[in-house]
Every structure is written in structure tokens, then in C-alpha cells.
Protein backbone atom coordinates (compact mmCIF):
# COMPACT_ATOMS: atom_id res chain seq x y z
CA MET A 1 15.31 -13.33 -40.34
CA THR A 2 23.69 -23.77 -49.84
CA LEU A 3 28.34 -34.26 -58.37
CA PHE A 4 28.05 -34.28 -61.47
CA GLN A 5 28.96 -33.23 -65.03
CA VAL A 6 29.39 -29.45 -65.10
CA GLY A 7 27.86 -27.57 -68.02
CA VAL A 8 28.81 -24.11 -69.16
CA ALA A 9 26.51 -21.20 -69.94
CA THR A 10 27.54 -18.01 -71.68
CA VAL A 11 26.14 -14.88 -70.10
CA LEU A 12 26.24 -11.36 -71.53
CA LEU A 13 26.55 -8.94 -68.65
CA PHE A 14 24.32 -5.87 -68.97
CA SER A 15 25.47 -2.44 -70.12
CA THR A 16 25.61 0.46 -67.71
CA SER A 17 23.56 3.60 -68.01
CA HIS A 18 26.75 5.36 -69.11
CA GLY A 19 27.12 3.16 -72.19
CA VAL A 20 30.03 1.07 -70.96
CA SER A 21 29.56 -2.67 -71.48
CA ALA A 22 31.30 -5.36 -69.50
CA LYS A 23 32.92 -8.21 -71.40
CA PRO A 24 30.89 -11.42 -71.69
CA LYS A 25 31.66 -13.78 -68.87
CA ARG A 26 31.40 -17.55 -68.92
CA VAL A 27 29.73 -18.96 -65.84
CA LYS A 28 29.69 -22.67 -65.01
CA GLU A 29 26.47 -24.30 -63.95
CA PRO A 30 26.64 -25.15 -60.25
CA ALA A 31 26.94 -28.88 -59.64
CA PRO A 32 23.44 -29.32 -58.10
CA ILE A 33 21.78 -28.25 -61.40
CA ALA A 34 24.40 -29.33 -63.94
CA GLY A 35 22.83 -31.00 -66.96
CA GLN A 36 19.27 -30.27 -65.79
CA ARG A 37 18.32 -27.61 -68.39
CA TYR A 38 18.68 -24.55 -66.17
CA HIS A 39 19.69 -21.16 -67.55
CA LEU A 40 21.19 -18.16 -65.81
CA VAL A 41 18.66 -15.33 -65.49
CA LYS A 42 20.54 -13.03 -63.08
CA ASN A 43 24.28 -12.66 -62.62
CA TRP A 44 24.87 -9.89 -60.12
CA ASP A 45 28.67 -10.08 -60.21
CA PHE A 46 30.23 -7.31 -58.14
CA GLY A 47 33.62 -7.66 -59.78
CA SER A 48 32.43 -7.19 -63.36
CA ALA A 49 28.71 -6.53 -63.92
CA ILE A 50 28.02 -4.19 -61.00
CA THR A 51 31.01 -2.12 -59.96
CA ASN A 52 29.59 1.30 -59.08
CA ARG A 53 26.62 2.85 -57.35
CA ALA A 54 24.70 3.68 -60.54
CA GLN A 55 24.80 0.05 -61.62
CA LEU A 56 23.81 -1.08 -58.12
CA ASP A 57 20.79 1.23 -58.05
CA ALA A 58 19.66 -0.08 -61.43
CA GLU A 59 19.28 -3.57 -59.97
CA PHE A 60 18.61 -3.16 -56.23
CA PHE A 61 16.75 -1.20 -53.60
CA THR A 62 18.44 -0.60 -50.24
CA ARG A 63 15.35 -0.79 -48.01
CA PHE A 64 12.71 -3.44 -47.31
CA ILE A 65 9.53 -3.54 -49.40
CA TYR A 66 7.29 -2.61 -46.47
CA ASN A 67 6.15 0.94 -45.61
CA ASP A 68 6.12 1.83 -49.30
CA GLY A 69 9.66 0.56 -49.71
CA LYS A 70 11.07 2.69 -46.91
CA LEU A 71 11.38 0.27 -43.98
CA ASP A 72 14.96 0.42 -42.72
CA THR A 73 15.01 -2.20 -39.93
CA LEU A 74 13.17 -5.30 -38.68
CA ASN A 75 12.30 -6.84 -35.33
CA ASP A 76 14.27 -5.26 -32.47
CA GLU A 77 17.51 -4.99 -34.43
CA TRP A 78 19.91 -2.14 -33.74
CA GLU A 79 20.91 -1.29 -37.30
CA ARG A 80 19.24 1.18 -39.63
CA TYR A 81 19.83 0.60 -43.34
CA ARG A 82 21.40 3.62 -44.95
CA ASP A 83 23.37 4.79 -47.98
CA ASN A 84 26.16 6.58 -46.13
CA ASN A 85 29.11 4.60 -47.48
CA ASN A 86 27.35 1.37 -46.48
CA HIS A 87 27.74 -0.19 -49.97
CA VAL A 88 31.43 -0.13 -50.77
CA PHE A 89 33.04 -1.48 -53.95
CA ALA A 90 36.60 -2.70 -53.41
CA ASP A 91 38.80 -5.65 -54.36
CA GLY A 92 36.27 -6.89 -56.91
CA GLU A 93 33.62 -7.21 -54.20
CA LEU A 94 30.68 -5.37 -52.71
CA LYS A 95 31.08 -4.82 -48.99
CA LEU A 96 27.87 -4.25 -47.04
CA THR A 97 29.32 -2.17 -44.25
CA ALA A 98 28.00 -1.59 -40.74
CA ARG A 99 29.27 1.49 -38.88
CA ALA A 100 28.62 2.54 -35.29
CA VAL A 101 27.93 6.18 -36.06
CA ASP A 102 25.94 7.01 -32.95
CA GLY A 103 27.16 4.57 -30.31
CA LEU A 104 26.41 0.96 -29.44
CA LYS A 105 22.66 1.26 -29.05
CA SER A 106 19.50 0.58 -30.98
CA GLY A 107 19.43 2.99 -33.90
CA GLY A 108 23.07 3.92 -33.43
CA ILE A 109 24.37 1.62 -36.17
CA GLU A 110 24.08 2.21 -39.92
CA SER A 111 24.40 -0.78 -42.23
CA GLY A 112 23.85 -1.94 -45.80
CA MET A 113 21.32 -4.20 -47.48
CA LEU A 114 20.13 -5.21 -50.97
CA ARG A 115 16.62 -5.99 -52.20
CA SER A 116 16.44 -7.06 -55.83
CA LYS A 117 14.23 -5.19 -58.27
CA TRP A 118 13.99 -8.45 -60.20
CA THR A 119 11.38 -10.91 -58.95
CA GLY A 120 10.70 -14.52 -59.78
CA LYS A 121 9.62 -17.94 -58.53
CA TYR A 122 11.63 -21.13 -58.25
CA GLY A 123 15.17 -21.83 -59.37
CA TYR A 124 18.68 -22.11 -57.98
CA TYR A 125 19.75 -19.06 -55.93
CA GLU A 126 23.42 -18.76 -54.96
CA CYS A 127 25.57 -16.17 -53.20
CA CYS A 128 29.34 -16.16 -52.66
CA MET A 129 30.27 -14.19 -49.55
CA LYS A 130 32.54 -13.83 -46.55
CA VAL A 131 30.83 -13.02 -43.26
CA PRO A 132 32.21 -10.75 -40.55
CA LYS A 133 33.28 -11.76 -37.07
CA GLY A 134 31.89 -9.87 -34.09
CA ARG A 135 29.29 -10.30 -31.37
CA GLY A 136 25.87 -9.11 -32.47
CA MET A 137 26.46 -9.59 -36.21
CA TRP A 138 23.64 -11.18 -38.20
CA PRO A 139 24.26 -11.53 -41.97
CA ALA A 140 21.44 -13.12 -43.97
CA PHE A 141 20.62 -14.16 -47.55
CA TRP A 142 16.92 -14.85 -48.14
CA ILE A 143 13.93 -14.95 -50.48
CA ASN A 144 10.80 -12.97 -49.60
CA PRO A 145 7.41 -12.47 -51.33
CA GLN A 146 6.44 -9.19 -52.94
CA VAL A 147 3.06 -9.27 -51.22
CA GLY A 148 2.26 -10.75 -47.81
CA TRP A 149 4.26 -12.86 -45.37
CA PRO A 150 4.91 -15.75 -44.89
CA PRO A 151 6.23 -17.66 -46.92
CA GLU A 152 9.98 -17.08 -46.68
CA ILE A 153 13.12 -19.05 -47.53
CA ASP A 154 16.24 -18.32 -45.49
CA VAL A 155 19.09 -19.48 -47.67
CA LEU A 156 21.49 -18.52 -44.89
CA GLU A 157 21.55 -16.86 -41.49
CA ILE A 158 24.63 -16.61 -39.27
CA VAL A 159 24.49 -15.08 -35.81
CA ASP A 160 27.32 -14.41 -33.37
CA ASN A 161 25.71 -14.29 -29.95
CA GLY A 162 28.23 -16.15 -27.80
CA ARG A 163 26.33 -19.42 -28.15
CA ASP A 164 26.11 -19.50 -31.94
CA SER A 165 28.96 -18.07 -33.96
CA THR A 166 30.55 -17.95 -37.40
CA THR A 167 31.30 -21.68 -37.07
CA ASN A 168 27.66 -22.65 -37.62
CA SER A 169 24.84 -21.56 -39.91
CA PHE A 170 21.03 -21.67 -40.01
CA HIS A 171 18.90 -22.68 -43.01
CA TYR A 172 15.15 -22.25 -42.52
CA VAL A 173 11.85 -22.13 -44.38
CA HIS A 174 8.83 -20.27 -43.03
CA GLY A 175 5.21 -20.88 -43.90
CA LYS A 176 2.12 -22.85 -43.00
CA ASN A 177 3.14 -26.12 -44.62
CA LYS A 178 2.18 -29.40 -43.03
CA ASP A 179 4.78 -31.29 -45.09
CA ASN A 180 7.88 -29.17 -44.48
CA ALA A 181 9.64 -31.80 -42.37
CA ASP A 182 13.19 -32.58 -43.49
CA LEU A 183 13.47 -35.66 -45.70
CA GLU A 184 17.26 -35.59 -45.42
CA THR A 185 19.34 -33.28 -43.26
CA LYS A 186 22.80 -32.53 -41.96
CA LEU A 187 21.30 -30.01 -39.52
CA ASP A 188 21.23 -30.61 -35.79
CA LYS A 189 18.08 -30.42 -33.66
CA TRP A 190 18.34 -26.60 -33.57
CA GLY A 191 18.42 -26.38 -37.36
CA THR A 192 22.15 -25.68 -37.37
CA TYR A 193 24.81 -26.84 -39.82
CA ARG A 194 28.35 -27.13 -38.47
CA PRO A 195 30.82 -27.39 -41.37
CA GLY A 196 33.98 -27.85 -39.30
CA PHE A 197 35.49 -24.46 -40.19
CA ASP A 198 34.93 -20.77 -39.52
CA TYR A 199 32.83 -19.02 -42.20
CA SER A 200 34.56 -15.71 -41.47
CA ASP A 201 37.96 -17.03 -42.58
CA ASP A 202 37.16 -17.17 -46.31
CA PHE A 203 34.51 -16.91 -49.02
CA HIS A 204 31.84 -19.62 -49.20
CA THR A 205 28.82 -20.28 -51.40
CA PHE A 206 25.30 -20.60 -50.00
CA ALA A 207 22.40 -21.69 -52.17
CA VAL A 208 18.92 -23.15 -52.42
CA LEU A 209 17.33 -25.21 -55.15
CA TRP A 210 13.68 -24.15 -54.97
CA THR A 211 10.99 -26.10 -56.84
CA PRO A 212 7.18 -26.03 -56.51
CA ASP A 213 7.18 -28.66 -53.77
CA MET A 214 10.76 -28.85 -52.44
CA VAL A 215 13.63 -26.75 -51.13
CA ASP A 216 17.22 -28.02 -50.91
CA HIS A 217 19.84 -25.99 -49.03
CA TYR A 218 23.52 -26.10 -50.06
CA VAL A 219 26.77 -24.91 -48.49
CA ASP A 220 29.79 -24.99 -50.81
CA GLY A 221 27.90 -27.45 -53.03
CA VAL A 222 27.06 -29.82 -50.16
CA ARG A 223 23.36 -30.45 -49.66
CA VAL A 224 22.67 -29.81 -45.98
CA ALA A 225 18.86 -29.99 -45.99
CA HIS A 226 16.27 -31.59 -48.29
CA ARG A 227 12.68 -30.77 -47.38
CA ARG A 228 9.16 -30.47 -48.71
CA PHE A 229 7.96 -26.90 -48.98
CA SER A 230 5.03 -25.13 -50.59
CA TRP A 231 5.31 -21.41 -51.45
CA THR A 232 1.93 -20.41 -50.02
CA HIS A 233 0.50 -17.83 -47.65
CA ASP A 234 -1.16 -18.89 -44.41
CA ASP A 235 -4.57 -18.88 -46.13
CA GLY A 236 -3.29 -21.38 -48.71
CA SER A 237 -3.04 -18.89 -51.57
CA ASP A 238 0.01 -18.78 -53.80
CA GLY A 239 2.93 -16.75 -52.45
CA GLY A 240 3.47 -15.02 -55.80
CA PRO A 241 6.73 -13.59 -57.12
CA ALA A 242 9.64 -13.10 -54.75
CA HIS A 243 12.61 -10.78 -54.43
CA VAL A 244 16.10 -11.61 -53.17
CA LEU A 245 17.48 -10.03 -49.98
CA LEU A 246 21.00 -9.75 -48.64
CA ASN A 247 21.66 -7.77 -45.47
CA LEU A 248 24.00 -7.26 -42.55
CA ALA A 249 21.84 -6.87 -39.45
CA VAL A 250 23.31 -6.02 -36.05
CA GLY A 251 21.90 -6.46 -32.56
CA GLY A 252 18.51 -7.53 -31.30
CA SER A 253 17.23 -10.43 -29.21
CA TRP A 254 18.74 -13.28 -31.22
CA PRO A 255 22.28 -12.02 -32.01
CA GLY A 256 22.49 -9.96 -28.86
CA PRO A 257 24.28 -6.61 -28.60
CA PRO A 258 27.71 -5.89 -30.05
CA GLN A 259 30.36 -5.83 -27.36
CA SER A 260 32.86 -3.26 -28.60
CA ALA A 261 33.12 -0.33 -30.99
CA ASP A 262 36.35 -1.96 -32.18
CA GLU A 263 34.22 -4.47 -34.12
CA PHE A 264 33.20 -1.66 -36.49
CA PRO A 265 33.24 -1.07 -39.33
CA ALA A 266 32.06 -4.62 -40.00
CA GLU A 267 31.89 -5.89 -43.58
CA LEU A 268 29.82 -8.55 -45.30
CA ALA A 269 31.91 -9.06 -48.46
CA VAL A 270 30.02 -10.36 -51.51
CA LYS A 271 31.47 -11.57 -54.81
CA TYR A 272 28.21 -12.38 -56.58
CA ILE A 273 24.54 -13.33 -56.35
CA ARG A 274 23.18 -15.55 -59.16
CA VAL A 275 19.78 -16.94 -60.06
CA TRP A 276 19.27 -19.88 -62.41
CA GLN A 277 15.83 -21.06 -63.55
CA ALA A 278 14.65 -24.21 -65.30
CA ASP A 279 13.91 -24.11 -69.02
């Protein structure tokens, strides 16, 4: 377990199941794709398009695709993904909320995650979010295939383990690709980007521009990695359509254990997730 002339696209936000339609919202093309004939295919805006649980459930699952869509944790993480007030709408945002409901231990923490019902391949994927402070926190925004693994694109991972923190971020690709070496990078030898500020202090945008043979990672519009990448399984077959994941993991080998119950509830606050694809 991301500058040029800015174009403008007009997007009609979808109606709810209760017959209430949001007003059309104008969304600017992000700078990395401005003027390149991309169109907005998904605008999951949690201040206007998705503002209640019914609308959320129409667009997202809250478990991983594995085990018939019921898997609620990965690796040796401590959290279990639940729907017990773990997806909170407030302040024009969605807050994926981790709560220590049964103590600081594996399985004692309930948290929130999103897995998109929409699937696709290639495009510009962007999320605007504010990550939580706290030892053991592991927020992530990533792209995963519907069938089989790898490949995988980690748009963003942030871990707070005492060595890494909310002042640096990780941007990975996973797969059996002989040409996935970075062509240009602002990452250090551990694959870390250090922006010179603390991500937990404010909202930031994280994105990838994903094409058939390349992946570019962006943080606040700055390209931090430019690399070759092929969306294929280990046997060389095509990786197929992919879903989008956003989750707040807690604990496990990489982030380490949380240190205090005072760090909970912890919130990964999200303003929007958007997907643009080329014409």
C-alpha cells in the first residue's frame, strides 16, 4: 500500500436517488493536462455532488474487491474498515475517520475507505485532501486492477512511523516492468518526496497522469516523478480496468503502532476526487 494555459470544462453533477439535483459546477482543467483534449469523466466532489450516505453508496464500496468484495483490511494493519460513523460529511468535506473502539491493538481500530464502482484505464487522477497527524497513520490514494495483482499505481502514501512523517510522501508503481526506472525525479533514494512543509497543516492535491507507457506523479501541480510504466500483470497480460481507492490505514509493520488513544478519532479529510480522460 501528484504551466500552462488553463482550460475550463463544464460538468453537470449527477442527481441523487431522491430526485434532488446539484447545480452545475465549472471545473478548471488541471495545469498538467490543460489544452490537451482531456474531459472530466468523474467529479466526486464531497461539498456538492456527494453530500450524504445514499449518494456515497451510489458511487463507492467501502471494502476491498477481494473475498467477494468483503475484505476489510490488508497486510498486518490494525484497522478494520467499517461503516460505523467512519464516513462523516462535514464542512463541505468527507472525513474518513479512524476510531479506537476496542483499544490500541490489531483489530481494535475501525476506519473508513472508498473503492470506486466506476472503473477505467488511463487518464489524470487527482485528489484534494488533508492528512492526519499521529504515529501509525497511513493514508493512501491508489489505483488497483479489478482482476489480479500487480499492477498498481500508488498516487500517494504517507506514513508516520517516527522515521517518516507527514513532512514526506511516497509515490510508487508496482508491476513487472523492466522499464519503470525514473526518467526524471524529485524523489530521494528511498522514493520519498520532501516538499518543505507539513502535509497535515492544510489541503494539498495529489495526482497522476497515467498513459499506456508512462506515469507522472504530481503534488500541488509539481511533477515529482516521471517514469515509464506498463499496466500489465506479471505474466505480461493487460492489467484491465482499474478502480480508485482512498483509505486511512492504521498500524502494521511499516507505519508502526499508534502511540496514544488521544490520537483518535483521526480524520483523513477529502474535498474531491476527480478523473479526467483523453478524448
